[in-house]
Amino acid sequence: MKILSLDTSTNNFSLCVADGEKVLAKKDIVLNKILSDSIVPTIDKVLTKAKVPLSELDGFAVGLGPGSFTSLRVGLSTVKALAFAGGKPVVGIPSLDVIAQGVPAQKNQDICVVCDARRSLVYAAFYRKQGQRLTRRGKYLLAGIEAVLSQVTEPTLVVGNGIALFREAIKKAKGTEITLAEEKFWYPRAVNLSQLAYSKFSKKEYNDIDSLVPLYLYSKDCQVVR
């Protein structure tokens, strides 16, 4: 089963092509230009590297955010267009789940993903991983870092680009053991998105293309600026 996976929720544009659990080609780009100008050429390059024509893909996986509103819409609309044109299924996965999937946690250690949401807030969620089985504990959050850390009750690995903004506040959190993940694990990687999506493809748990939307935790009419 050949799947093209991409995540555009952050300024790290991540893309991969996998056949089942085998990664055929991947690319991660720190964006320094408009995503809409580069997304299709980058997809073409990765498909060429994987030696998989677009017509031979069995489906698409896309990161749903939360994250950059504009980039999320570009990524999702591109996947929808390709899937619709080829009559192929789509699976959407929240990008916070993708980050949690990619970080190596210790046994009996929670994972707390914290990503920059601007306005001095973070997008956050808590997880527990057993092997490659990832379980989210509670809801997706849009909150201040102190409110998120107040929910930490177990040894916890904190991961995400929110660390860069709130490192000192995280280090000062009292009452439990908190470890900070290395920066290389902070961003959603398409390789990890593909792992989560493959499980859903195997069970034919596809999303409806027409109703699939990004995960917005802010009000949909909110214009978030720094």
N, C-alpha and C. Protein backbone atom coordinates (compact mmCIF):
# COMPACT_ATOMS: atom_id res chain seq x y z
N MET A 1 0.84 -1.19 0.00
CA MET A 1 0.00 0.00 0.00
C MET A 1 0.88 1.25 0.00
N LYS A 2 0.86 1.97 -1.08
CA LYS A 2 1.72 3.15 -1.23
C LYS A 2 0.96 4.41 -0.82
N ILE A 3 1.52 5.12 0.16
CA ILE A 3 0.86 6.29 0.74
C ILE A 3 1.78 7.50 0.67
N LEU A 4 1.24 8.62 0.22
CA LEU A 4 1.93 9.90 0.29
C LEU A 4 1.44 10.64 1.52
N SER A 5 2.36 11.01 2.41
CA SER A 5 2.01 11.70 3.65
C SER A 5 2.68 13.06 3.68
N LEU A 6 1.94 14.08 4.14
CA LEU A 6 2.56 15.40 4.27
C LEU A 6 1.95 16.17 5.44
N ASP A 7 2.79 17.00 6.04
CA ASP A 7 2.36 17.86 7.14
C ASP A 7 2.86 19.28 6.88
N THR A 8 1.95 20.24 6.93
CA THR A 8 2.29 21.64 6.68
C THR A 8 1.87 22.53 7.84
N SER A 9 1.77 21.96 9.03
CA SER A 9 1.25 22.72 10.18
C SER A 9 2.26 23.69 10.77
N THR A 10 3.55 23.50 10.47
CA THR A 10 4.59 24.39 10.99
C THR A 10 5.44 24.89 9.82
N ASN A 11 6.49 25.63 10.12
CA ASN A 11 7.37 26.08 9.04
C ASN A 11 8.32 24.97 8.59
N ASN A 12 8.17 23.77 9.18
CA ASN A 12 8.89 22.59 8.72
C ASN A 12 7.93 21.77 7.85
N PHE A 13 8.05 21.90 6.54
CA PHE A 13 7.21 21.16 5.60
C PHE A 13 7.79 19.76 5.46
N SER A 14 7.00 18.75 5.82
CA SER A 14 7.49 17.37 5.85
C SER A 14 6.65 16.50 4.92
N LEU A 15 7.34 15.65 4.17
CA LEU A 15 6.69 14.86 3.13
C LEU A 15 7.38 13.51 3.02
N CYS A 16 6.61 12.45 2.81
CA CYS A 16 7.24 11.14 2.57
C CYS A 16 6.31 10.26 1.75
N VAL A 17 6.92 9.29 1.10
CA VAL A 17 6.20 8.24 0.39
C VAL A 17 6.61 6.92 1.01
N ALA A 18 5.63 6.12 1.39
CA ALA A 18 5.92 4.83 2.02
C ALA A 18 5.09 3.74 1.37
N ASP A 19 5.65 2.55 1.35
CA ASP A 19 4.93 1.36 0.90
C ASP A 19 4.73 0.49 2.13
N GLY A 20 3.53 0.53 2.70
CA GLY A 20 3.30 -0.11 3.98
C GLY A 20 4.12 0.60 5.05
N GLU A 21 4.96 -0.14 5.74
CA GLU A 21 5.80 0.45 6.78
C GLU A 21 7.20 0.81 6.26
N LYS A 22 7.44 0.59 4.99
CA LYS A 22 8.75 0.89 4.40
C LYS A 22 8.74 2.28 3.76
N VAL A 23 9.62 3.15 4.23
CA VAL A 23 9.74 4.50 3.67
C VAL A 23 10.55 4.43 2.38
N LEU A 24 9.97 4.92 1.29
CA LEU A 24 10.64 4.91 -0.01
C LEU A 24 11.40 6.21 -0.27
N ALA A 25 10.85 7.32 0.22
CA ALA A 25 11.51 8.62 0.04
C ALA A 25 10.90 9.60 1.03
N LYS A 26 11.70 10.56 1.47
CA LYS A 26 11.21 11.56 2.42
C LYS A 26 11.95 12.87 2.21
N LYS A 27 11.32 13.95 2.67
CA LYS A 27 11.96 15.25 2.57
C LYS A 27 11.36 16.17 3.63
N ASP A 28 12.24 16.88 4.33
CA ASP A 28 11.83 17.87 5.32
C ASP A 28 12.48 19.20 4.95
N ILE A 29 11.66 20.23 4.83
CA ILE A 29 12.14 21.54 4.38
C ILE A 29 11.72 22.61 5.38
N VAL A 30 12.66 23.43 5.79
CA VAL A 30 12.32 24.63 6.55
C VAL A 30 11.93 25.69 5.53
N LEU A 31 10.67 26.10 5.57
CA LEU A 31 10.15 26.98 4.53
C LEU A 31 10.71 28.39 4.63
N ASN A 32 11.20 28.88 3.52
CA ASN A 32 11.64 30.28 3.45
C ASN A 32 10.99 31.00 2.27
N LYS A 33 9.94 30.35 1.74
CA LYS A 33 9.15 30.98 0.69
C LYS A 33 7.71 30.51 0.83
N ILE A 34 6.83 31.03 -0.02
CA ILE A 34 5.41 30.73 0.09
C ILE A 34 5.17 29.25 -0.21
N LEU A 35 4.48 28.55 0.70
CA LEU A 35 4.26 27.12 0.57
C LEU A 35 3.50 26.78 -0.71
N SER A 36 2.52 27.58 -1.07
CA SER A 36 1.71 27.27 -2.25
C SER A 36 2.54 27.22 -3.53
N ASP A 37 3.68 27.91 -3.53
CA ASP A 37 4.56 27.90 -4.71
C ASP A 37 5.45 26.66 -4.77
N SER A 38 5.66 26.01 -3.63
CA SER A 38 6.64 24.92 -3.57
C SER A 38 6.05 23.55 -3.31
N ILE A 39 4.79 23.47 -2.88
CA ILE A 39 4.27 22.19 -2.42
C ILE A 39 4.16 21.17 -3.55
N VAL A 40 3.61 21.56 -4.70
CA VAL A 40 3.46 20.60 -5.80
C VAL A 40 4.81 20.19 -6.39
N PRO A 41 5.73 21.11 -6.66
CA PRO A 41 7.06 20.68 -7.13
C PRO A 41 7.78 19.76 -6.16
N THR A 42 7.60 20.00 -4.85
CA THR A 42 8.26 19.14 -3.86
C THR A 42 7.64 17.75 -3.86
N ILE A 43 6.32 17.68 -3.98
CA ILE A 43 5.65 16.39 -4.09
C ILE A 43 6.18 15.63 -5.31
N ASP A 44 6.30 16.31 -6.43
CA ASP A 44 6.81 15.67 -7.65
C ASP A 44 8.22 15.11 -7.44
N LYS A 45 9.07 15.88 -6.77
CA LYS A 45 10.45 15.44 -6.53
C LYS A 45 10.50 14.20 -5.65
N VAL A 46 9.67 14.17 -4.60
CA VAL A 46 9.69 13.02 -3.68
C VAL A 46 9.12 11.78 -4.37
N LEU A 47 8.07 11.96 -5.17
CA LEU A 47 7.53 10.82 -5.92
C LEU A 47 8.56 10.28 -6.90
N THR A 48 9.29 11.16 -7.54
CA THR A 48 10.34 10.74 -8.47
C THR A 48 11.44 9.97 -7.74
N LYS A 49 11.84 10.48 -6.58
CA LYS A 49 12.87 9.80 -5.79
C LYS A 49 12.39 8.42 -5.34
N ALA A 50 11.10 8.33 -5.00
CA ALA A 50 10.53 7.05 -4.55
C ALA A 50 10.26 6.10 -5.71
N LYS A 51 10.33 6.62 -6.94
CA LYS A 51 10.02 5.85 -8.15
C LYS A 51 8.59 5.34 -8.12
N VAL A 52 7.70 6.24 -7.65
CA VAL A 52 6.27 5.92 -7.58
C VAL A 52 5.51 7.02 -8.33
N PRO A 53 4.91 6.70 -9.48
CA PRO A 53 4.08 7.69 -10.16
C PRO A 53 2.86 8.06 -9.31
N LEU A 54 2.38 9.26 -9.49
CA LEU A 54 1.20 9.71 -8.74
C LEU A 54 0.04 8.75 -8.91
N SER A 55 -0.12 8.20 -10.10
CA SER A 55 -1.24 7.30 -10.39
C SER A 55 -1.15 5.99 -9.63
N GLU A 56 0.05 5.62 -9.14
CA GLU A 56 0.21 4.35 -8.43
C GLU A 56 0.04 4.47 -6.92
N LEU A 57 -0.19 5.68 -6.42
CA LEU A 57 -0.45 5.85 -4.99
C LEU A 57 -1.80 5.23 -4.64
N ASP A 58 -1.86 4.63 -3.45
CA ASP A 58 -3.11 4.04 -2.97
C ASP A 58 -3.89 4.98 -2.07
N GLY A 59 -3.24 6.04 -1.61
CA GLY A 59 -3.94 6.97 -0.73
C GLY A 59 -3.03 8.08 -0.24
N PHE A 60 -3.63 8.98 0.53
CA PHE A 60 -2.92 10.15 1.03
C PHE A 60 -3.18 10.32 2.53
N ALA A 61 -2.16 10.80 3.23
CA ALA A 61 -2.30 11.13 4.65
C ALA A 61 -1.86 12.58 4.84
N VAL A 62 -2.58 13.30 5.69
CA VAL A 62 -2.28 14.72 5.87
C VAL A 62 -2.37 15.09 7.34
N GLY A 63 -1.42 15.91 7.79
CA GLY A 63 -1.46 16.43 9.15
C GLY A 63 -2.50 17.54 9.25
N LEU A 64 -3.32 17.48 10.28
CA LEU A 64 -4.45 18.40 10.41
C LEU A 64 -4.18 19.58 11.33
N GLY A 65 -2.95 19.67 11.87
CA GLY A 65 -2.69 20.75 12.82
C GLY A 65 -3.09 20.34 14.22
N PRO A 66 -3.28 21.32 15.09
CA PRO A 66 -3.35 22.76 14.86
C PRO A 66 -1.99 23.35 14.48
N GLY A 67 -2.06 24.55 13.91
CA GLY A 67 -0.83 25.21 13.49
C GLY A 67 -1.14 26.40 12.62
N SER A 68 -0.25 26.68 11.69
CA SER A 68 -0.41 27.82 10.79
C SER A 68 -1.67 27.68 9.94
N PHE A 69 -2.61 28.60 10.10
CA PHE A 69 -3.88 28.49 9.40
C PHE A 69 -3.68 28.40 7.89
N THR A 70 -2.90 29.31 7.33
CA THR A 70 -2.71 29.36 5.89
C THR A 70 -2.03 28.11 5.37
N SER A 71 -0.95 27.69 6.01
CA SER A 71 -0.22 26.51 5.56
C SER A 71 -1.06 25.25 5.67
N LEU A 72 -1.85 25.13 6.73
CA LEU A 72 -2.72 23.97 6.87
C LEU A 72 -3.72 23.90 5.73
N ARG A 73 -4.30 25.04 5.37
CA ARG A 73 -5.28 25.05 4.28
C ARG A 73 -4.62 24.68 2.95
N VAL A 74 -3.40 25.17 2.73
CA VAL A 74 -2.69 24.83 1.49
C VAL A 74 -2.42 23.33 1.42
N GLY A 75 -1.92 22.76 2.51
CA GLY A 75 -1.62 21.34 2.53
C GLY A 75 -2.85 20.48 2.34
N LEU A 76 -3.91 20.81 3.07
CA LEU A 76 -5.13 20.00 3.00
C LEU A 76 -5.80 20.13 1.63
N SER A 77 -5.86 21.33 1.10
CA SER A 77 -6.51 21.51 -0.21
C SER A 77 -5.73 20.79 -1.31
N THR A 78 -4.40 20.76 -1.19
CA THR A 78 -3.59 20.04 -2.18
C THR A 78 -3.87 18.54 -2.12
N VAL A 79 -3.89 17.99 -0.92
CA VAL A 79 -4.17 16.57 -0.75
C VAL A 79 -5.58 16.23 -1.25
N LYS A 80 -6.54 17.07 -0.91
CA LYS A 80 -7.92 16.83 -1.36
C LYS A 80 -8.00 16.81 -2.89
N ALA A 81 -7.33 17.76 -3.52
CA ALA A 81 -7.37 17.84 -4.98
C ALA A 81 -6.75 16.61 -5.63
N LEU A 82 -5.61 16.18 -5.11
CA LEU A 82 -4.94 15.00 -5.66
C LEU A 82 -5.77 13.74 -5.43
N ALA A 83 -6.35 13.62 -4.24
CA ALA A 83 -7.15 12.45 -3.91
C ALA A 83 -8.42 12.40 -4.75
N PHE A 84 -9.07 13.55 -4.90
CA PHE A 84 -10.30 13.61 -5.69
C PHE A 84 -10.02 13.27 -7.15
N ALA A 85 -8.95 13.82 -7.69
CA ALA A 85 -8.62 13.58 -9.09
C ALA A 85 -8.32 12.11 -9.36
N GLY A 86 -7.69 11.45 -8.40
CA GLY A 86 -7.33 10.05 -8.59
C GLY A 86 -8.30 9.06 -7.99
N GLY A 87 -9.34 9.57 -7.32
CA GLY A 87 -10.30 8.68 -6.67
C GLY A 87 -9.68 7.86 -5.55
N LYS A 88 -8.75 8.47 -4.81
CA LYS A 88 -8.02 7.76 -3.76
C LYS A 88 -8.47 8.23 -2.37
N PRO A 89 -8.37 7.37 -1.35
CA PRO A 89 -8.80 7.73 0.00
C PRO A 89 -7.80 8.62 0.72
N VAL A 90 -8.30 9.30 1.74
CA VAL A 90 -7.49 10.22 2.54
C VAL A 90 -7.68 9.91 4.02
N VAL A 91 -6.59 10.01 4.77
CA VAL A 91 -6.63 9.91 6.23
C VAL A 91 -6.00 11.18 6.80
N GLY A 92 -6.71 11.83 7.72
CA GLY A 92 -6.18 13.01 8.40
C GLY A 92 -5.80 12.67 9.83
N ILE A 93 -4.65 13.15 10.26
CA ILE A 93 -4.14 12.88 11.61
C ILE A 93 -3.74 14.21 12.25
N PRO A 94 -4.20 14.50 13.49
CA PRO A 94 -3.74 15.72 14.17
C PRO A 94 -2.22 15.75 14.28
N SER A 95 -1.64 16.91 14.02
CA SER A 95 -0.18 17.03 14.00
C SER A 95 0.45 16.85 15.38
N LEU A 96 -0.30 17.14 16.45
CA LEU A 96 0.22 16.89 17.79
C LEU A 96 0.44 15.39 18.00
N ASP A 97 -0.47 14.58 17.46
CA ASP A 97 -0.30 13.12 17.53
C ASP A 97 0.97 12.69 16.79
N VAL A 98 1.22 13.34 15.66
CA VAL A 98 2.39 12.99 14.84
C VAL A 98 3.68 13.27 15.61
N ILE A 99 3.73 14.41 16.28
CA ILE A 99 4.92 14.74 17.09
C ILE A 99 5.11 13.71 18.19
N ALA A 100 4.02 13.37 18.89
CA ALA A 100 4.11 12.39 19.98
C ALA A 100 4.57 11.03 19.47
N GLN A 101 4.12 10.66 18.28
CA GLN A 101 4.52 9.38 17.70
C GLN A 101 6.02 9.32 17.45
N GLY A 102 6.63 10.46 17.14
CA GLY A 102 8.03 10.48 16.74
C GLY A 102 9.04 10.58 17.85
N VAL A 103 8.60 10.85 19.08
CA VAL A 103 9.55 11.06 20.17
C VAL A 103 9.71 9.78 20.99
N PRO A 104 10.94 9.38 21.33
CA PRO A 104 11.14 8.16 22.12
C PRO A 104 10.95 8.43 23.61
N ALA A 105 9.88 7.91 24.17
CA ALA A 105 9.60 8.09 25.59
C ALA A 105 10.00 6.85 26.36
N GLN A 106 10.31 7.03 27.64
CA GLN A 106 10.65 5.92 28.51
C GLN A 106 9.38 5.22 29.00
N LYS A 107 9.54 4.01 29.50
CA LYS A 107 8.40 3.28 30.06
C LYS A 107 7.84 4.07 31.24
N ASN A 108 6.51 4.14 31.32
CA ASN A 108 5.80 4.85 32.40
C ASN A 108 6.08 6.35 32.39
N GLN A 109 6.39 6.89 31.23
CA GLN A 109 6.62 8.32 31.10
C GLN A 109 5.56 8.91 30.16
N ASP A 110 4.86 9.93 30.62
CA ASP A 110 3.91 10.62 29.77
C ASP A 110 4.65 11.47 28.74
N ILE A 111 3.95 11.79 27.67
CA ILE A 111 4.45 12.73 26.67
C ILE A 111 3.53 13.93 26.66
N CYS A 112 4.10 15.12 26.74
CA CYS A 112 3.33 16.36 26.65
C CYS A 112 3.85 17.15 25.45
N VAL A 113 3.01 17.28 24.43
CA VAL A 113 3.38 18.06 23.25
C VAL A 113 2.93 19.50 23.46
N VAL A 114 3.85 20.46 23.28
CA VAL A 114 3.51 21.88 23.41
C VAL A 114 4.04 22.61 22.17
N CYS A 115 3.15 23.21 21.41
CA CYS A 115 3.53 23.91 20.19
C CYS A 115 3.07 25.36 20.23
N ASP A 116 3.88 26.22 19.66
CA ASP A 116 3.60 27.65 19.64
C ASP A 116 2.24 27.94 19.00
N ALA A 117 1.35 28.58 19.77
CA ALA A 117 0.04 28.98 19.25
C ALA A 117 -0.07 30.50 19.14
N ARG A 118 1.06 31.20 19.38
CA ARG A 118 1.09 32.66 19.39
C ARG A 118 0.24 33.19 20.55
N ARG A 119 0.23 34.51 20.72
CA ARG A 119 -0.50 35.14 21.82
C ARG A 119 -0.09 34.60 23.19
N SER A 120 1.16 34.14 23.32
CA SER A 120 1.70 33.58 24.56
C SER A 120 0.96 32.32 24.99
N LEU A 121 0.40 31.60 24.02
CA LEU A 121 -0.32 30.36 24.29
C LEU A 121 0.36 29.20 23.57
N VAL A 122 -0.04 27.98 23.96
CA VAL A 122 0.45 26.79 23.27
C VAL A 122 -0.71 25.88 22.91
N TYR A 123 -0.54 25.15 21.81
CA TYR A 123 -1.38 23.99 21.54
C TYR A 123 -0.72 22.84 22.29
N ALA A 124 -1.53 22.03 22.96
CA ALA A 124 -0.93 20.97 23.78
C ALA A 124 -1.82 19.74 23.84
N ALA A 125 -1.19 18.62 24.16
CA ALA A 125 -1.91 17.38 24.41
C ALA A 125 -0.98 16.43 25.15
N PHE A 126 -1.58 15.52 25.93
CA PHE A 126 -0.84 14.53 26.70
C PHE A 126 -1.05 13.14 26.11
N TYR A 127 0.01 12.34 26.15
CA TYR A 127 -0.02 11.00 25.56
C TYR A 127 0.72 10.01 26.45
N ARG A 128 0.45 8.73 26.21
CA ARG A 128 1.24 7.63 26.75
C ARG A 128 1.52 6.67 25.60
N LYS A 129 2.77 6.24 25.47
CA LYS A 129 3.15 5.35 24.39
C LYS A 129 3.61 4.01 24.96
N GLN A 130 3.08 2.93 24.39
CA GLN A 130 3.51 1.58 24.73
C GLN A 130 3.96 0.92 23.44
N GLY A 131 5.29 0.79 23.27
CA GLY A 131 5.81 0.35 21.99
C GLY A 131 5.49 1.41 20.95
N GLN A 132 4.82 1.01 19.87
CA GLN A 132 4.39 1.97 18.86
C GLN A 132 2.91 2.34 19.02
N ARG A 133 2.30 1.89 20.10
CA ARG A 133 0.89 2.20 20.34
C ARG A 133 0.78 3.50 21.12
N LEU A 134 0.17 4.49 20.50
CA LEU A 134 0.07 5.83 21.08
C LEU A 134 -1.35 6.08 21.54
N THR A 135 -1.50 6.53 22.79
CA THR A 135 -2.82 6.83 23.34
C THR A 135 -2.83 8.26 23.85
N ARG A 136 -3.77 9.04 23.36
CA ARG A 136 -3.90 10.41 23.86
C ARG A 136 -4.70 10.39 25.15
N ARG A 137 -4.25 11.20 26.12
CA ARG A 137 -4.90 11.26 27.42
C ARG A 137 -5.51 12.65 27.58
N GLY A 138 -6.82 12.73 27.38
CA GLY A 138 -7.50 14.01 27.50
C GLY A 138 -7.66 14.71 26.17
N LYS A 139 -8.09 15.97 26.24
CA LYS A 139 -8.42 16.74 25.05
C LYS A 139 -7.21 17.48 24.50
N TYR A 140 -7.36 17.96 23.27
CA TYR A 140 -6.40 18.92 22.72
C TYR A 140 -6.64 20.26 23.40
N LEU A 141 -5.56 20.94 23.74
CA LEU A 141 -5.65 22.15 24.56
C LEU A 141 -5.12 23.37 23.82
N LEU A 142 -5.72 24.51 24.10
CA LEU A 142 -5.18 25.82 23.74
C LEU A 142 -5.13 26.60 25.04
N ALA A 143 -3.93 26.80 25.58
CA ALA A 143 -3.82 27.35 26.93
C ALA A 143 -2.44 27.96 27.14
N GLY A 144 -2.30 28.66 28.27
CA GLY A 144 -0.99 29.14 28.68
C GLY A 144 -0.14 27.99 29.16
N ILE A 145 1.17 28.16 29.11
CA ILE A 145 2.06 27.06 29.47
C ILE A 145 1.88 26.65 30.93
N GLU A 146 1.59 27.61 31.81
CA GLU A 146 1.41 27.27 33.23
C GLU A 146 0.18 26.38 33.42
N ALA A 147 -0.89 26.67 32.69
CA ALA A 147 -2.10 25.85 32.79
C ALA A 147 -1.85 24.43 32.30
N VAL A 148 -1.06 24.31 31.26
CA VAL A 148 -0.72 22.97 30.74
C VAL A 148 0.13 22.22 31.75
N LEU A 149 1.16 22.87 32.27
CA LEU A 149 2.07 22.20 33.21
C LEU A 149 1.38 21.83 34.50
N SER A 150 0.31 22.54 34.85
CA SER A 150 -0.42 22.22 36.09
C SER A 150 -1.10 20.86 36.00
N GLN A 151 -1.23 20.31 34.80
CA GLN A 151 -1.85 19.01 34.61
C GLN A 151 -0.84 17.86 34.64
N VAL A 152 0.43 18.20 34.78
CA VAL A 152 1.47 17.17 34.83
C VAL A 152 1.49 16.54 36.22
N THR A 153 1.24 15.24 36.26
CA THR A 153 1.23 14.52 37.54
C THR A 153 2.16 13.31 37.55
N GLU A 154 2.70 12.97 36.38
CA GLU A 154 3.59 11.81 36.24
C GLU A 154 4.90 12.28 35.61
N PRO A 155 5.96 11.45 35.69
CA PRO A 155 7.16 11.78 34.92
C PRO A 155 6.79 12.03 33.46
N THR A 156 7.24 13.14 32.92
CA THR A 156 6.74 13.59 31.62
C THR A 156 7.86 14.09 30.73
N LEU A 157 7.80 13.67 29.47
CA LEU A 157 8.71 14.17 28.44
C LEU A 157 7.98 15.26 27.67
N VAL A 158 8.50 16.47 27.70
CA VAL A 158 7.89 17.60 26.99
C VAL A 158 8.57 17.76 25.64
N VAL A 159 7.77 17.91 24.58
CA VAL A 159 8.30 17.99 23.23
C VAL A 159 7.49 19.01 22.43
N GLY A 160 8.14 19.68 21.49
CA GLY A 160 7.46 20.63 20.63
C GLY A 160 8.16 21.97 20.63
N ASN A 161 7.85 22.80 19.62
CA ASN A 161 8.56 24.07 19.51
C ASN A 161 8.15 25.09 20.56
N GLY A 162 7.15 24.75 21.38
CA GLY A 162 6.83 25.60 22.52
C GLY A 162 7.96 25.65 23.54
N ILE A 163 8.83 24.65 23.50
CA ILE A 163 9.99 24.64 24.41
C ILE A 163 10.86 25.87 24.18
N ALA A 164 11.03 26.25 22.93
CA ALA A 164 11.89 27.40 22.62
C ALA A 164 11.37 28.68 23.25
N LEU A 165 10.06 28.80 23.37
CA LEU A 165 9.44 30.00 23.92
C LEU A 165 9.34 29.97 25.43
N PHE A 166 9.14 28.79 26.00
CA PHE A 166 8.81 28.70 27.42
C PHE A 166 9.74 27.76 28.18
N ARG A 167 10.97 27.65 27.73
CA ARG A 167 11.92 26.72 28.34
C ARG A 167 12.07 26.97 29.84
N GLU A 168 12.24 28.22 30.24
CA GLU A 168 12.46 28.53 31.66
C GLU A 168 11.24 28.19 32.50
N ALA A 169 10.05 28.50 31.99
CA ALA A 169 8.83 28.18 32.73
C ALA A 169 8.68 26.67 32.89
N ILE A 170 9.04 25.92 31.86
CA ILE A 170 8.95 24.46 31.94
C ILE A 170 9.96 23.92 32.95
N LYS A 171 11.17 24.47 32.93
CA LYS A 171 12.19 24.01 33.87
C LYS A 171 11.81 24.30 35.32
N LYS A 172 11.05 25.38 35.53
CA LYS A 172 10.68 25.78 36.88
C LYS A 172 9.44 25.05 37.40
N ALA A 173 8.80 24.25 36.56
CA ALA A 173 7.59 23.54 36.98
C ALA A 173 7.90 22.65 38.18
N LYS A 174 7.06 22.73 39.19
CA LYS A 174 7.29 22.03 40.45
C LYS A 174 6.49 20.73 40.53
N GLY A 175 6.96 19.83 41.37
CA GLY A 175 6.14 18.72 41.81
C GLY A 175 6.26 17.44 41.02
N THR A 176 7.00 17.43 39.92
CA THR A 176 7.14 16.19 39.18
C THR A 176 8.41 16.23 38.34
N GLU A 177 8.74 15.12 37.73
CA GLU A 177 9.95 15.01 36.92
C GLU A 177 9.64 15.32 35.46
N ILE A 178 10.22 16.42 34.95
CA ILE A 178 10.00 16.83 33.57
C ILE A 178 11.31 16.77 32.80
N THR A 179 11.27 16.13 31.64
CA THR A 179 12.42 16.05 30.75
C THR A 179 12.09 16.76 29.45
N LEU A 180 13.06 17.48 28.89
CA LEU A 180 12.84 18.18 27.62
C LEU A 180 13.41 17.36 26.47
N ALA A 181 12.61 17.16 25.44
CA ALA A 181 13.07 16.41 24.26
C ALA A 181 14.03 17.25 23.44
N GLU A 182 14.91 16.58 22.71
CA GLU A 182 15.84 17.27 21.81
C GLU A 182 15.07 17.97 20.69
N GLU A 183 15.66 19.04 20.16
CA GLU A 183 14.98 19.85 19.14
C GLU A 183 14.62 19.04 17.89
N LYS A 184 15.38 18.03 17.57
CA LYS A 184 15.10 17.25 16.36
C LYS A 184 13.75 16.52 16.43
N PHE A 185 13.15 16.44 17.63
CA PHE A 185 11.86 15.79 17.78
C PHE A 185 10.70 16.78 17.88
N TRP A 186 10.97 18.07 17.78
CA TRP A 186 9.95 19.08 18.06
C TRP A 186 8.87 19.20 17.00
N TYR A 187 9.14 18.76 15.78
CA TYR A 187 8.25 19.05 14.66
C TYR A 187 7.60 17.78 14.12
N PRO A 188 6.38 17.90 13.55
CA PRO A 188 5.73 16.72 12.98
C PRO A 188 6.45 16.26 11.72
N ARG A 189 6.80 14.99 11.70
CA ARG A 189 7.50 14.41 10.55
C ARG A 189 6.55 13.49 9.79
N ALA A 190 6.61 13.60 8.47
CA ALA A 190 5.71 12.80 7.64
C ALA A 190 5.95 11.30 7.81
N VAL A 191 7.17 10.92 8.16
CA VAL A 191 7.46 9.50 8.41
C VAL A 191 6.60 8.98 9.55
N ASN A 192 6.46 9.77 10.61
CA ASN A 192 5.64 9.36 11.74
C ASN A 192 4.15 9.48 11.43
N LEU A 193 3.79 10.47 10.63
CA LEU A 193 2.41 10.58 10.15
C LEU A 193 2.03 9.33 9.37
N SER A 194 2.94 8.87 8.53
CA SER A 194 2.69 7.68 7.73
C SER A 194 2.46 6.45 8.61
N GLN A 195 3.20 6.34 9.71
CA GLN A 195 3.02 5.22 10.63
C GLN A 195 1.61 5.20 11.21
N LEU A 196 1.15 6.36 11.66
CA LEU A 196 -0.19 6.45 12.24
C LEU A 196 -1.27 6.23 11.18
N ALA A 197 -1.04 6.78 10.00
CA ALA A 197 -2.04 6.65 8.93
C ALA A 197 -2.13 5.23 8.41
N TYR A 198 -1.00 4.52 8.35
CA TYR A 198 -1.00 3.16 7.81
C TYR A 198 -1.95 2.26 8.60
N SER A 199 -1.98 2.45 9.92
CA SER A 199 -2.90 1.66 10.74
C SER A 199 -4.35 1.90 10.33
N LYS A 200 -4.68 3.15 10.04
CA LYS A 200 -6.05 3.47 9.62
C LYS A 200 -6.34 2.97 8.21
N PHE A 201 -5.37 3.09 7.32
CA PHE A 201 -5.56 2.57 5.97
C PHE A 201 -5.79 1.06 6.00
N SER A 202 -5.05 0.36 6.86
CA SER A 202 -5.18 -1.10 6.95
C SER A 202 -6.58 -1.51 7.38
N LYS A 203 -7.23 -0.65 8.18
CA LYS A 203 -8.59 -0.92 8.65
C LYS A 203 -9.65 -0.23 7.79
N LYS A 204 -9.20 0.44 6.73
CA LYS A 204 -10.08 1.21 5.84
C LYS A 204 -10.86 2.28 6.60
N GLU A 205 -10.18 2.89 7.57
CA GLU A 205 -10.79 3.97 8.35
C GLU A 205 -10.45 5.31 7.69
N TYR A 206 -11.06 5.55 6.55
CA TYR A 206 -10.77 6.74 5.77
C TYR A 206 -11.62 7.92 6.26
N ASN A 207 -11.15 9.12 5.94
CA ASN A 207 -11.93 10.32 6.20
C ASN A 207 -12.73 10.71 4.96
N ASP A 208 -13.87 11.33 5.18
CA ASP A 208 -14.65 11.88 4.09
C ASP A 208 -13.95 13.14 3.58
N ILE A 209 -13.62 13.17 2.30
CA ILE A 209 -12.85 14.28 1.76
C ILE A 209 -13.59 15.61 1.92
N ASP A 210 -14.89 15.60 1.69
CA ASP A 210 -15.65 16.85 1.72
C ASP A 210 -15.71 17.46 3.12
N SER A 211 -15.77 16.63 4.15
CA SER A 211 -15.94 17.14 5.51
C SER A 211 -14.63 17.26 6.29
N LEU A 212 -13.52 16.82 5.70
CA LEU A 212 -12.23 16.86 6.40
C LEU A 212 -11.72 18.30 6.46
N VAL A 213 -11.47 18.78 7.67
CA VAL A 213 -11.01 20.16 7.88
C VAL A 213 -9.83 20.15 8.85
N PRO A 214 -9.03 21.22 8.85
CA PRO A 214 -7.94 21.32 9.84
C PRO A 214 -8.48 21.35 11.26
N LEU A 215 -7.63 20.98 12.20
CA LEU A 215 -7.98 21.05 13.62
C LEU A 215 -7.72 22.47 14.10
N TYR A 216 -8.80 23.24 14.22
CA TYR A 216 -8.70 24.62 14.72
C TYR A 216 -9.06 24.63 16.20
N LEU A 217 -8.17 25.11 17.03
CA LEU A 217 -8.50 25.27 18.44
C LEU A 217 -8.86 26.72 18.75
N TYR A 218 -8.33 27.64 17.96
CA TYR A 218 -8.82 29.02 18.01
C TYR A 218 -10.17 29.08 17.32
N SER A 219 -10.94 30.12 17.61
CA SER A 219 -12.16 30.38 16.86
C SER A 219 -11.81 30.50 15.39
N LYS A 220 -12.66 29.96 14.53
CA LYS A 220 -12.36 29.94 13.10
C LYS A 220 -12.26 31.33 12.48
N ASP A 221 -12.90 32.32 13.11
CA ASP A 221 -12.83 33.67 12.55
C ASP A 221 -11.74 34.50 13.21
N CYS A 222 -10.91 33.84 14.04
CA CYS A 222 -9.85 34.56 14.76
C CYS A 222 -8.66 34.78 13.86
N GLN A 223 -8.17 36.01 13.83
CA GLN A 223 -6.96 36.33 13.10
C GLN A 223 -5.81 36.45 14.10
N VAL A 224 -4.95 35.45 14.17
CA VAL A 224 -3.90 35.41 15.18
C VAL A 224 -2.65 36.08 14.65
N VAL A 225 -2.18 37.08 15.36
CA VAL A 225 -0.96 37.77 14.98
C VAL A 225 -0.07 37.87 16.20
N ARG A 226 1.22 38.07 15.96
CA ARG A 226 2.16 38.23 17.07
C ARG A 226 2.07 39.66 17.59
